[in-house]
Amino acid sequence: MAKIDLNNPHFEIKIQLNNSLQGIKIQSQETTDGDEYFICQLKDEQITQVRREKDGNWEQIWGKLDPTTIDTIGAAISAKIKKQQKK
């Protein structure tokens, strides 16, 4: 996966969560071996950490959200990164 611009590693996505449109703050981070993952916060509370696997699927590495929500978050992150890369 193409990495987010490290000069601006924070951004926001909007997804349907708990039956309403929610703004989720996303912060890009890297593991010590260089793998990118994303910290996701709702109202300043961390709700999950996700990463994109080599097969393109999104995996939750911390948190208790259901797989459908993780896929929704992952798709929104991918779309945001793609949009930023076009600038």
PDB file of N, CA and C in Angstrom:
ATOM      1  N   MET A   1       0.843  -1.185   0.000  1.00  0.00           N
ATOM      2  CA  MET A   1       0.000   0.000   0.000  1.00  0.00           C
ATOM      3  C   MET A   1       0.879   1.235   0.000  1.00  0.00           C
ATOM      4  N   ALA A   2       0.509   2.213  -0.761  1.00  0.00           N
ATOM      5  CA  ALA A   2       1.245   3.476  -0.751  1.00  0.00           C
ATOM      6  C   ALA A   2       1.061   4.147   0.588  1.00  0.00           C
ATOM      7  N   LYS A   3       2.125   4.702   1.077  1.00  0.00           N
ATOM      8  CA  LYS A   3       2.079   5.317   2.396  1.00  0.00           C
ATOM      9  C   LYS A   3       1.501   6.716   2.317  1.00  0.00           C
ATOM     10  N   ILE A   4       0.905   7.114   3.433  1.00  0.00           N
ATOM     11  CA  ILE A   4       0.349   8.455   3.561  1.00  0.00           C
ATOM     12  C   ILE A   4       1.499   9.458   3.607  1.00  0.00           C
ATOM     13  N   ASP A   5       1.257  10.681   3.230  1.00  0.00           N
ATOM     14  CA  ASP A   5       2.247  11.753   3.294  1.00  0.00           C
ATOM     15  C   ASP A   5       2.663  11.956   4.744  1.00  0.00           C
ATOM     16  N   LEU A   6       3.909  11.650   5.067  1.00  0.00           N
ATOM     17  CA  LEU A   6       4.370  11.739   6.442  1.00  0.00           C
ATOM     18  C   LEU A   6       4.480  13.175   6.936  1.00  0.00           C
ATOM     19  N   ASN A   7       4.393  14.157   6.034  1.00  0.00           N
ATOM     20  CA  ASN A   7       4.348  15.546   6.470  1.00  0.00           C
ATOM     21  C   ASN A   7       2.978  15.886   7.046  1.00  0.00           C
ATOM     22  N   ASN A   8       1.978  15.074   6.743  1.00  0.00           N
ATOM     23  CA  ASN A   8       0.626  15.280   7.245  1.00  0.00           C
ATOM     24  C   ASN A   8       0.011  13.916   7.567  1.00  0.00           C
ATOM     25  N   PRO A   9       0.471  13.266   8.658  1.00  0.00           N
ATOM     26  CA  PRO A   9       0.032  11.902   8.942  1.00  0.00           C
ATOM     27  C   PRO A   9      -1.341  11.808   9.608  1.00  0.00           C
ATOM     28  N   HIS A  10      -2.044  12.933   9.790  1.00  0.00           N
ATOM     29  CA  HIS A  10      -3.363  12.941  10.400  1.00  0.00           C
ATOM     30  C   HIS A  10      -4.407  13.372   9.376  1.00  0.00           C
ATOM     31  N   PHE A  11      -5.551  12.725   9.412  1.00  0.00           N
ATOM     32  CA  PHE A  11      -6.664  13.129   8.562  1.00  0.00           C
ATOM     33  C   PHE A  11      -7.950  12.590   9.172  1.00  0.00           C
ATOM     34  N   GLU A  12      -9.069  12.944   8.566  1.00  0.00           N
ATOM     35  CA  GLU A  12     -10.361  12.501   9.083  1.00  0.00           C
ATOM     36  C   GLU A  12     -11.146  11.816   7.980  1.00  0.00           C
ATOM     37  N   ILE A  13     -11.866  10.783   8.383  1.00  0.00           N
ATOM     38  CA  ILE A  13     -12.793  10.114   7.481  1.00  0.00           C
ATOM     39  C   ILE A  13     -14.184  10.198   8.104  1.00  0.00           C
ATOM     40  N   LYS A  14     -15.182  10.033   7.281  1.00  0.00           N
ATOM     41  CA  LYS A  14     -16.557   9.992   7.782  1.00  0.00           C
ATOM     42  C   LYS A  14     -17.177   8.668   7.356  1.00  0.00           C
ATOM     43  N   ILE A  15     -17.725   7.945   8.341  1.00  0.00           N
ATOM     44  CA  ILE A  15     -18.357   6.653   8.070  1.00  0.00           C
ATOM     45  C   ILE A  15     -19.646   6.531   8.884  1.00  0.00           C
ATOM     46  N   GLN A  16     -20.517   5.626   8.444  1.00  0.00           N
ATOM     47  CA  GLN A  16     -21.694   5.286   9.231  1.00  0.00           C
ATOM     48  C   GLN A  16     -21.247   4.385  10.376  1.00  0.00           C
ATOM     49  N   LEU A  17     -21.504   4.813  11.594  1.00  0.00           N
ATOM     50  CA  LEU A  17     -21.130   4.044  12.784  1.00  0.00           C
ATOM     51  C   LEU A  17     -22.200   4.293  13.834  1.00  0.00           C
ATOM     52  N   ASN A  18     -22.709   3.231  14.414  1.00  0.00           N
ATOM     53  CA  ASN A  18     -23.770   3.351  15.417  1.00  0.00           C
ATOM     54  C   ASN A  18     -24.971   4.124  14.862  1.00  0.00           C
ATOM     55  N   ASN A  19     -25.341   3.811  13.626  1.00  0.00           N
ATOM     56  CA  ASN A  19     -26.516   4.380  12.964  1.00  0.00           C
ATOM     57  C   ASN A  19     -26.457   5.880  12.709  1.00  0.00           C
ATOM     58  N   SER A  20     -25.255   6.453  12.688  1.00  0.00           N
ATOM     59  CA  SER A  20     -25.132   7.866  12.319  1.00  0.00           C
ATOM     60  C   SER A  20     -23.777   8.106  11.661  1.00  0.00           C
ATOM     61  N   LEU A  21     -23.693   9.191  10.910  1.00  0.00           N
ATOM     62  CA  LEU A  21     -22.445   9.556  10.249  1.00  0.00           C
ATOM     63  C   LEU A  21     -21.479  10.101  11.299  1.00  0.00           C
ATOM     64  N   GLN A  22     -20.310   9.483  11.398  1.00  0.00           N
ATOM     65  CA  GLN A  22     -19.326   9.847  12.417  1.00  0.00           C
ATOM     66  C   GLN A  22     -18.016  10.274  11.766  1.00  0.00           C
ATOM     67  N   GLY A  23     -17.383  11.271  12.337  1.00  0.00           N
ATOM     68  CA  GLY A  23     -16.041  11.664  11.916  1.00  0.00           C
ATOM     69  C   GLY A  23     -15.015  10.902  12.732  1.00  0.00           C
ATOM     70  N   ILE A  24     -14.167  10.156  12.054  1.00  0.00           N
ATOM     71  CA  ILE A  24     -13.127   9.361  12.714  1.00  0.00           C
ATOM     72  C   ILE A  24     -11.774  10.001  12.408  1.00  0.00           C
ATOM     73  N   LYS A  25     -11.028  10.339  13.447  1.00  0.00           N
ATOM     74  CA  LYS A  25      -9.681  10.889  13.260  1.00  0.00           C
ATOM     75  C   LYS A  25      -8.719   9.727  13.038  1.00  0.00           C
ATOM     76  N   ILE A  26      -7.895   9.861  12.011  1.00  0.00           N
ATOM     77  CA  ILE A  26      -6.954   8.807  11.634  1.00  0.00           C
ATOM     78  C   ILE A  26      -5.542   9.349  11.775  1.00  0.00           C
ATOM     79  N   GLN A  27      -4.689   8.548  12.399  1.00  0.00           N
ATOM     80  CA  GLN A  27      -3.272   8.903  12.542  1.00  0.00           C
ATOM     81  C   GLN A  27      -2.434   7.753  12.001  1.00  0.00           C
ATOM     82  N   SER A  28      -1.608   8.054  11.011  1.00  0.00           N
ATOM     83  CA  SER A  28      -0.721   7.056  10.423  1.00  0.00           C
ATOM     84  C   SER A  28       0.492   6.851  11.326  1.00  0.00           C
ATOM     85  N   GLN A  29       0.841   5.594  11.553  1.00  0.00           N
ATOM     86  CA  GLN A  29       2.017   5.230  12.347  1.00  0.00           C
ATOM     87  C   GLN A  29       2.774   4.133  11.624  1.00  0.00           C
ATOM     88  N   GLU A  30       3.993   3.873  12.066  1.00  0.00           N
ATOM     89  CA  GLU A  30       4.796   2.784  11.507  1.00  0.00           C
ATOM     90  C   GLU A  30       5.333   1.913  12.625  1.00  0.00           C
ATOM     91  N   THR A  31       5.326   0.594  12.379  1.00  0.00           N
ATOM     92  CA  THR A  31       5.952  -0.322  13.323  1.00  0.00           C
ATOM     93  C   THR A  31       7.467  -0.184  13.200  1.00  0.00           C
ATOM     94  N   THR A  32       8.201  -0.804  14.109  1.00  0.00           N
ATOM     95  CA  THR A  32       9.665  -0.723  14.064  1.00  0.00           C
ATOM     96  C   THR A  32      10.237  -1.354  12.797  1.00  0.00           C
ATOM     97  N   ASP A  33       9.492  -2.263  12.171  1.00  0.00           N
ATOM     98  CA  ASP A  33       9.972  -2.861  10.923  1.00  0.00           C
ATOM     99  C   ASP A  33       9.396  -2.179   9.678  1.00  0.00           C
ATOM    100  N   GLY A  34       8.777  -0.998   9.854  1.00  0.00           N
ATOM    101  CA  GLY A  34       8.367  -0.183   8.727  1.00  0.00           C
ATOM    102  C   GLY A  34       6.980  -0.428   8.176  1.00  0.00           C
ATOM    103  N   ASP A  35       6.187  -1.282   8.821  1.00  0.00           N
ATOM    104  CA  ASP A  35       4.821  -1.526   8.353  1.00  0.00           C
ATOM    105  C   ASP A  35       3.898  -0.416   8.843  1.00  0.00           C
ATOM    106  N   GLU A  36       3.090   0.105   7.936  1.00  0.00           N
ATOM    107  CA  GLU A  36       2.175   1.190   8.274  1.00  0.00           C
ATOM    108  C   GLU A  36       0.894   0.642   8.908  1.00  0.00           C
ATOM    109  N   TYR A  37       0.416   1.332   9.925  1.00  0.00           N
ATOM    110  CA  TYR A  37      -0.886   1.040  10.508  1.00  0.00           C
ATOM    111  C   TYR A  37      -1.538   2.356  10.890  1.00  0.00           C
ATOM    112  N   PHE A  38      -2.819   2.307  11.245  1.00  0.00           N
ATOM    113  CA  PHE A  38      -3.587   3.514  11.474  1.00  0.00           C
ATOM    114  C   PHE A  38      -4.307   3.443  12.816  1.00  0.00           C
ATOM    115  N   ILE A  39      -4.129   4.482  13.614  1.00  0.00           N
ATOM    116  CA  ILE A  39      -4.850   4.634  14.871  1.00  0.00           C
ATOM    117  C   ILE A  39      -6.127   5.408  14.555  1.00  0.00           C
ATOM    118  N   CYS A  40      -7.255   4.896  15.014  1.00  0.00           N
ATOM    119  CA  CYS A  40      -8.553   5.499  14.712  1.00  0.00           C
ATOM    120  C   CYS A  40      -9.202   5.969  16.008  1.00  0.00           C
ATOM    121  N   GLN A  41      -9.597   7.253  16.029  1.00  0.00           N
ATOM    122  CA  GLN A  41     -10.191   7.833  17.232  1.00  0.00           C
ATOM    123  C   GLN A  41     -11.560   8.421  16.926  1.00  0.00           C
ATOM    124  N   LEU A  42     -12.468   8.207  17.849  1.00  0.00           N
ATOM    125  CA  LEU A  42     -13.801   8.797  17.797  1.00  0.00           C
ATOM    126  C   LEU A  42     -13.965   9.629  19.053  1.00  0.00           C
ATOM    127  N   LYS A  43     -14.183  10.931  18.887  1.00  0.00           N
ATOM    128  CA  LYS A  43     -14.323  11.853  20.021  1.00  0.00           C
ATOM    129  C   LYS A  43     -13.146  11.725  20.983  1.00  0.00           C
ATOM    130  N   ASP A  44     -11.940  11.743  20.432  1.00  0.00           N
ATOM    131  CA  ASP A  44     -10.682  11.683  21.182  1.00  0.00           C
ATOM    132  C   ASP A  44     -10.473  10.387  21.966  1.00  0.00           C
ATOM    133  N   GLU A  45     -11.235   9.348  21.653  1.00  0.00           N
ATOM    134  CA  GLU A  45     -11.038   8.044  22.270  1.00  0.00           C
ATOM    135  C   GLU A  45     -10.647   7.044  21.191  1.00  0.00           C
ATOM    136  N   GLN A  46      -9.548   6.337  21.404  1.00  0.00           N
ATOM    137  CA  GLN A  46      -9.103   5.349  20.417  1.00  0.00           C
ATOM    138  C   GLN A  46     -10.116   4.214  20.355  1.00  0.00           C
ATOM    139  N   ILE A  47     -10.573   3.908  19.136  1.00  0.00           N
ATOM    140  CA  ILE A  47     -11.547   2.827  18.981  1.00  0.00           C
ATOM    141  C   ILE A  47     -10.957   1.600  18.305  1.00  0.00           C
ATOM    142  N   THR A  48      -9.876   1.781  17.539  1.00  0.00           N
ATOM    143  CA  THR A  48      -9.252   0.645  16.870  1.00  0.00           C
ATOM    144  C   THR A  48      -7.899   1.046  16.292  1.00  0.00           C
ATOM    145  N   GLN A  49      -7.128   0.040  15.926  1.00  0.00           N
ATOM    146  CA  GLN A  49      -5.934   0.202  15.102  1.00  0.00           C
ATOM    147  C   GLN A  49      -6.073  -0.809  13.971  1.00  0.00           C
ATOM    148  N   VAL A  50      -5.826  -0.346  12.745  1.00  0.00           N
ATOM    149  CA  VAL A  50      -5.982  -1.212  11.582  1.00  0.00           C
ATOM    150  C   VAL A  50      -4.760  -1.126  10.677  1.00  0.00           C
ATOM    151  N   ARG A  51      -4.601  -2.164   9.876  1.00  0.00           N
ATOM    152  CA  ARG A  51      -3.556  -2.145   8.845  1.00  0.00           C
ATOM    153  C   ARG A  51      -4.080  -2.889   7.631  1.00  0.00           C
ATOM    154  N   ARG A  52      -3.487  -2.543   6.507  1.00  0.00           N
ATOM    155  CA  ARG A  52      -3.853  -3.210   5.257  1.00  0.00           C
ATOM    156  C   ARG A  52      -2.855  -4.336   5.006  1.00  0.00           C
ATOM    157  N   GLU A  53      -3.375  -5.521   4.786  1.00  0.00           N
ATOM    158  CA  GLU A  53      -2.545  -6.689   4.539  1.00  0.00           C
ATOM    159  C   GLU A  53      -2.080  -6.705   3.080  1.00  0.00           C
ATOM    160  N   LYS A  54      -1.098  -7.531   2.795  1.00  0.00           N
ATOM    161  CA  LYS A  54      -0.560  -7.627   1.434  1.00  0.00           C
ATOM    162  C   LYS A  54      -1.625  -8.050   0.416  1.00  0.00           C
ATOM    163  N   ASP A  55      -2.639  -8.797   0.872  1.00  0.00           N
ATOM    164  CA  ASP A  55      -3.702  -9.232  -0.034  1.00  0.00           C
ATOM    165  C   ASP A  55      -4.763  -8.150  -0.255  1.00  0.00           C
ATOM    166  N   GLY A  56      -4.577  -6.979   0.393  1.00  0.00           N
ATOM    167  CA  GLY A  56      -5.504  -5.870   0.213  1.00  0.00           C
ATOM    168  C   GLY A  56      -6.602  -5.789   1.255  1.00  0.00           C
ATOM    169  N   ASN A  57      -6.754  -6.841   2.045  1.00  0.00           N
ATOM    170  CA  ASN A  57      -7.776  -6.837   3.095  1.00  0.00           C
ATOM    171  C   ASN A  57      -7.307  -6.041   4.307  1.00  0.00           C
ATOM    172  N   TRP A  58      -8.246  -5.461   5.024  1.00  0.00           N
ATOM    173  CA  TRP A  58      -7.939  -4.694   6.229  1.00  0.00           C
ATOM    174  C   TRP A  58      -8.097  -5.578   7.454  1.00  0.00           C
ATOM    175  N   GLU A  59      -7.160  -5.450   8.398  1.00  0.00           N
ATOM    176  CA  GLU A  59      -7.160  -6.249   9.619  1.00  0.00           C
ATOM    177  C   GLU A  59      -7.124  -5.322  10.823  1.00  0.00           C
ATOM    178  N   GLN A  60      -7.900  -5.673  11.809  1.00  0.00           N
ATOM    179  CA  GLN A  60      -7.878  -4.952  13.078  1.00  0.00           C
ATOM    180  C   GLN A  60      -6.751  -5.525  13.933  1.00  0.00           C
ATOM    181  N   ILE A  61      -5.839  -4.682  14.371  1.00  0.00           N
ATOM    182  CA  ILE A  61      -4.740  -5.165  15.208  1.00  0.00           C
ATOM    183  C   ILE A  61      -4.937  -4.794  16.680  1.00  0.00           C
ATOM    184  N   TRP A  62      -5.889  -3.917  16.927  1.00  0.00           N
ATOM    185  CA  TRP A  62      -6.285  -3.583  18.294  1.00  0.00           C
ATOM    186  C   TRP A  62      -7.715  -3.087  18.250  1.00  0.00           C
ATOM    187  N   GLY A  63      -8.531  -3.487  19.194  1.00  0.00           N
ATOM    188  CA  GLY A  63      -9.907  -3.012  19.279  1.00  0.00           C
ATOM    189  C   GLY A  63     -10.896  -4.151  19.165  1.00  0.00           C
ATOM    190  N   LYS A  64     -12.177  -3.795  19.228  1.00  0.00           N
ATOM    191  CA  LYS A  64     -13.232  -4.803  19.238  1.00  0.00           C
ATOM    192  C   LYS A  64     -14.357  -4.479  18.261  1.00  0.00           C
ATOM    193  N   LEU A  65     -14.019  -3.881  17.131  1.00  0.00           N
ATOM    194  CA  LEU A  65     -15.043  -3.585  16.131  1.00  0.00           C
ATOM    195  C   LEU A  65     -15.279  -4.808  15.250  1.00  0.00           C
ATOM    196  N   ASP A  66     -16.479  -4.886  14.696  1.00  0.00           N
ATOM    197  CA  ASP A  66     -16.816  -6.027  13.846  1.00  0.00           C
ATOM    198  C   ASP A  66     -16.126  -5.915  12.487  1.00  0.00           C
ATOM    199  N   PRO A  67     -15.967  -7.046  11.787  1.00  0.00           N
ATOM    200  CA  PRO A  67     -15.254  -7.045  10.498  1.00  0.00           C
ATOM    201  C   PRO A  67     -15.843  -6.097   9.453  1.00  0.00           C
ATOM    202  N   THR A  68     -17.162  -5.942   9.415  1.00  0.00           N
ATOM    203  CA  THR A  68     -17.782  -5.042   8.446  1.00  0.00           C
ATOM    204  C   THR A  68     -17.357  -3.597   8.709  1.00  0.00           C
ATOM    205  N   THR A  69     -17.319  -3.190   9.970  1.00  0.00           N
ATOM    206  CA  THR A  69     -16.887  -1.832  10.321  1.00  0.00           C
ATOM    207  C   THR A  69     -15.423  -1.627   9.967  1.00  0.00           C
ATOM    208  N   ILE A  70     -14.602  -2.644  10.198  1.00  0.00           N
ATOM    209  CA  ILE A  70     -13.179  -2.552   9.846  1.00  0.00           C
ATOM    210  C   ILE A  70     -13.033  -2.391   8.335  1.00  0.00           C
ATOM    211  N   ASP A  71     -13.801  -3.140   7.556  1.00  0.00           N
ATOM    212  CA  ASP A  71     -13.754  -3.000   6.096  1.00  0.00           C
ATOM    213  C   ASP A  71     -14.189  -1.595   5.665  1.00  0.00           C
ATOM    214  N   THR A  72     -15.203  -1.050   6.325  1.00  0.00           N
ATOM    215  CA  THR A  72     -15.684   0.300   6.015  1.00  0.00           C
ATOM    216  C   THR A  72     -14.618   1.341   6.334  1.00  0.00           C
ATOM    217  N   ILE A  73     -13.992   1.226   7.493  1.00  0.00           N
ATOM    218  CA  ILE A  73     -12.909   2.140   7.878  1.00  0.00           C
ATOM    219  C   ILE A  73     -11.761   2.019   6.889  1.00  0.00           C
ATOM    220  N   GLY A  74     -11.370   0.790   6.580  1.00  0.00           N
ATOM    221  CA  GLY A  74     -10.271   0.561   5.641  1.00  0.00           C
ATOM    222  C   GLY A  74     -10.539   1.141   4.269  1.00  0.00           C
ATOM    223  N   ALA A  75     -11.754   0.957   3.757  1.00  0.00           N
ATOM    224  CA  ALA A  75     -12.109   1.506   2.446  1.00  0.00           C
ATOM    225  C   ALA A  75     -12.043   3.030   2.463  1.00  0.00           C
ATOM    226  N   ALA A  76     -12.482   3.645   3.558  1.00  0.00           N
ATOM    227  CA  ALA A  76     -12.438   5.111   3.664  1.00  0.00           C
ATOM    228  C   ALA A  76     -10.999   5.612   3.754  1.00  0.00           C
ATOM    229  N   ILE A  77     -10.144   4.883   4.473  1.00  0.00           N
ATOM    230  CA  ILE A  77      -8.726   5.249   4.547  1.00  0.00           C
ATOM    231  C   ILE A  77      -8.086   5.138   3.167  1.00  0.00           C
ATOM    232  N   SER A  78      -8.348   4.033   2.472  1.00  0.00           N
ATOM    233  CA  SER A  78      -7.791   3.841   1.122  1.00  0.00           C
ATOM    234  C   SER A  78      -8.225   4.963   0.183  1.00  0.00           C
ATOM    235  N   ALA A  79      -9.502   5.326   0.236  1.00  0.00           N
ATOM    236  CA  ALA A  79     -10.014   6.391  -0.635  1.00  0.00           C
ATOM    237  C   ALA A  79      -9.347   7.724  -0.309  1.00  0.00           C
ATOM    238  N   LYS A  80      -9.157   7.994   0.963  1.00  0.00           N
ATOM    239  CA  LYS A  80      -8.525   9.258   1.370  1.00  0.00           C
ATOM    240  C   LYS A  80      -7.075   9.309   0.894  1.00  0.00           C
ATOM    241  N   ILE A  81      -6.347   8.211   1.035  1.00  0.00           N
ATOM    242  CA  ILE A  81      -4.951   8.161   0.594  1.00  0.00           C
ATOM    243  C   ILE A  81      -4.877   8.335  -0.912  1.00  0.00           C
ATOM    244  N   LYS A  82      -5.754   7.650  -1.644  1.00  0.00           N
ATOM    245  CA  LYS A  82      -5.776   7.762  -3.099  1.00  0.00           C
ATOM    246  C   LYS A  82      -6.046   9.208  -3.523  1.00  0.00           C
ATOM    247  N   LYS A  83      -6.979   9.858  -2.846  1.00  0.00           N
ATOM    248  CA  LYS A  83      -7.303  11.255  -3.152  1.00  0.00           C
ATOM    249  C   LYS A  83      -6.105  12.166  -2.876  1.00  0.00           C
ATOM    250  N   GLN A  84      -5.405  11.929  -1.780  1.00  0.00           N
ATOM    251  CA  GLN A  84      -4.226  12.752  -1.439  1.00  0.00           C
ATOM    252  C   GLN A  84      -3.108  12.552  -2.446  1.00  0.00           C
ATOM    253  N   GLN A  85      -2.959  11.350  -2.972  1.00  0.00           N
ATOM    254  CA  GLN A  85      -1.901  11.067  -3.924  1.00  0.00           C
ATOM    255  C   GLN A  85      -2.140  11.746  -5.272  1.00  0.00           C
ATOM    256  N   LYS A  86      -3.402  12.060  -5.577  1.00  0.00           N
ATOM    257  CA  LYS A  86      -3.726  12.723  -6.845  1.00  0.00           C
ATOM    258  C   LYS A  86      -3.406  14.215  -6.814  1.00  0.00           C
ATOM    259  N   LYS A  87      -3.190  14.757  -5.620  1.00  0.00           N
ATOM    260  CA  LYS A  87      -2.901  16.199  -5.501  1.00  0.00           C
ATOM    261  C   LYS A  87      -1.539  16.539  -6.023  1.00  0.00           C
TER     262      LYS A  87
END
